Amino acid sequence: MATRQSELEKILGKMADELPDPDWVALVDDNGLIVSCIPESPVVGQDLIAGMTAASIIMAERVLDEIDGGQMRFTSIAGSKRQMLSVVLSRDRVLAIGIGPEVPAQATFASLTRWVPEILKVLSKSYVTS
């Protein structure tokens, strides 16, 4: 029997396969905790991914509030070695993607368009354990 976790891992894995050489694809909850992550042991620790995702969301919301930018959809923070894209899926879920610095954030949009609805479907589905 499929579990929510196994379904999320499957979808995040398929998304990671489509993305241009991701370092991680992680689903983070509103408490700043990893719900699911591909790979299980990314190059940056899961605790750092969760913490930096939460920090990027807080920063982006503050900036958008100051400039009257409306509701946040995503944020991208790029450095010389790596970048992190944080995509708001719902009030309590964020998708964090680590990719190389040379990859334009827009290169992830086709995969996001394909897989985000599937992630949301799994999150809304009721799973019963026996």
Protein backbone atom coordinates (compact mmCIF):
# COMPACT_ATOMS: atom_id res chain seq x y z
CA MET A 1 0.00 0.00 0.00
CA ALA A 2 1.31 3.43 -0.95
CA THR A 3 1.97 5.99 1.74
CA ARG A 4 2.04 9.77 1.43
CA GLN A 5 5.79 9.69 1.98
CA SER A 6 6.42 7.08 -0.72
CA GLU A 7 4.24 9.00 -3.19
CA LEU A 8 6.04 12.28 -2.44
CA GLU A 9 9.43 10.60 -2.85
CA LYS A 10 8.34 9.16 -6.19
CA ILE A 11 7.11 12.53 -7.50
CA LEU A 12 10.11 14.48 -6.21
CA GLY A 13 12.37 11.87 -7.82
CA LYS A 14 10.63 12.26 -11.17
CA MET A 15 10.89 16.04 -10.87
CA ALA A 16 14.60 15.78 -10.02
CA ASP A 17 15.13 13.59 -13.10
CA GLU A 18 13.71 16.38 -15.30
CA LEU A 19 15.59 19.27 -13.70
CA PRO A 20 19.03 20.37 -14.92
CA ASP A 21 21.38 18.57 -12.49
CA PRO A 22 19.68 19.45 -9.16
CA ASP A 23 21.55 19.16 -5.88
CA TRP A 24 18.24 18.60 -4.08
CA VAL A 25 14.49 18.81 -4.39
CA ALA A 26 12.86 19.12 -0.97
CA LEU A 27 9.38 19.72 0.35
CA VAL A 28 9.48 21.89 3.48
CA ASP A 29 6.57 22.55 5.84
CA ASP A 30 5.59 25.79 7.56
CA ASN A 31 7.47 24.74 10.70
CA GLY A 32 10.71 24.69 8.70
CA LEU A 33 10.92 20.89 8.65
CA ILE A 34 11.71 18.65 5.69
CA VAL A 35 8.68 16.60 4.66
CA SER A 36 10.51 14.78 1.87
CA CYS A 37 13.86 15.23 0.12
CA ILE A 38 15.58 13.83 -2.95
CA PRO A 39 18.28 12.71 -2.56
CA GLU A 40 17.87 11.56 1.01
CA SER A 41 21.38 12.84 1.85
CA PRO A 42 21.91 15.96 -0.29
CA VAL A 43 25.24 17.80 -0.62
CA VAL A 44 23.88 20.37 1.84
CA GLY A 45 22.32 18.86 4.96
CA GLN A 46 18.55 18.62 5.18
CA ASP A 47 18.53 20.76 8.31
CA LEU A 48 20.32 23.55 6.44
CA ILE A 49 17.99 23.24 3.47
CA ALA A 50 14.97 23.52 5.76
CA GLY A 51 16.41 26.45 7.71
CA MET A 52 17.54 28.39 4.66
CA THR A 53 14.20 27.78 2.93
CA ALA A 54 12.42 29.26 5.94
CA ALA A 55 14.87 32.19 6.01
CA SER A 56 14.44 32.89 2.28
CA ILE A 57 10.65 32.89 2.65
CA ILE A 58 10.77 35.27 5.61
CA MET A 59 13.12 37.61 3.76
CA ALA A 60 11.08 37.56 0.55
CA GLU A 61 7.80 38.19 2.39
CA ARG A 62 9.35 41.16 4.19
CA VAL A 63 10.68 42.65 0.95
CA LEU A 64 7.38 42.11 -0.85
CA ASP A 65 5.51 43.71 2.04
CA GLU A 66 7.79 46.79 1.93
CA ILE A 67 7.41 47.25 -1.83
CA ASP A 68 3.72 46.30 -1.91
CA GLY A 69 4.62 43.40 -4.18
CA GLY A 70 1.67 41.15 -3.38
CA GLN A 71 1.68 37.52 -2.39
CA MET A 72 4.96 35.67 -2.83
CA ARG A 73 5.16 32.95 -5.48
CA PHE A 74 8.86 32.06 -5.47
CA THR A 75 12.28 33.35 -4.54
CA SER A 76 15.67 32.62 -6.03
CA ILE A 77 18.94 33.18 -4.20
CA ALA A 78 22.00 32.66 -6.38
CA GLY A 79 25.65 32.44 -5.44
CA SER A 80 28.81 31.60 -7.33
CA LYS A 81 28.63 27.89 -6.38
CA ARG A 82 24.92 27.14 -6.03
CA GLN A 83 21.47 28.66 -6.04
CA MET A 84 18.28 27.85 -4.21
CA LEU A 85 14.82 28.30 -5.62
CA SER A 86 11.98 28.31 -3.06
CA VAL A 87 8.52 27.88 -4.55
CA VAL A 88 5.41 28.46 -2.45
CA LEU A 89 3.00 25.57 -3.02
CA SER A 90 0.47 26.45 -0.33
CA ARG A 91 0.14 28.31 2.94
CA ASP A 92 2.06 25.55 4.70
CA ARG A 93 4.32 23.97 2.05
CA VAL A 94 7.36 25.19 0.10
CA LEU A 95 9.35 23.36 -2.53
CA ALA A 96 13.11 24.01 -2.25
CA ILE A 97 15.33 23.23 -5.22
CA GLY A 98 19.11 23.45 -5.24
CA ILE A 99 20.66 23.93 -8.66
CA GLY A 100 23.96 25.08 -10.13
CA PRO A 101 24.72 28.78 -10.47
CA GLU A 102 24.68 28.67 -14.28
CA VAL A 103 21.13 27.28 -14.48
CA PRO A 104 18.49 29.98 -15.04
CA ALA A 105 15.64 29.66 -12.53
CA GLN A 106 13.25 29.64 -15.49
CA ALA A 107 14.74 26.30 -16.58
CA THR A 108 12.81 24.73 -13.69
CA PHE A 109 9.40 26.13 -14.65
CA ALA A 110 8.33 23.37 -17.09
CA SER A 111 9.06 20.69 -14.50
CA LEU A 112 7.33 22.71 -11.79
CA THR A 113 4.27 23.13 -13.99
CA ARG A 114 4.15 19.38 -14.57
CA TRP A 115 4.84 18.12 -11.03
CA VAL A 116 3.47 20.70 -8.56
CA PRO A 117 -0.15 19.66 -9.23
CA GLU A 118 0.85 16.06 -8.52
CA ILE A 119 2.51 17.06 -5.24
CA LEU A 120 -0.59 19.02 -4.19
CA LYS A 121 -2.78 16.05 -5.08
CA VAL A 122 -0.73 13.74 -2.84
CA LEU A 123 -0.78 16.28 0.00
CA SER A 124 -4.56 16.61 -0.16
CA LYS A 125 -5.24 12.89 -0.40
CA SER A 126 -6.21 10.93 2.70
CA TYR A 127 -3.97 7.96 3.46
CA VAL A 128 -5.29 5.30 5.81
CA THR A 129 -2.97 2.98 7.67
CA SER A 130 -4.15 -0.48 8.63
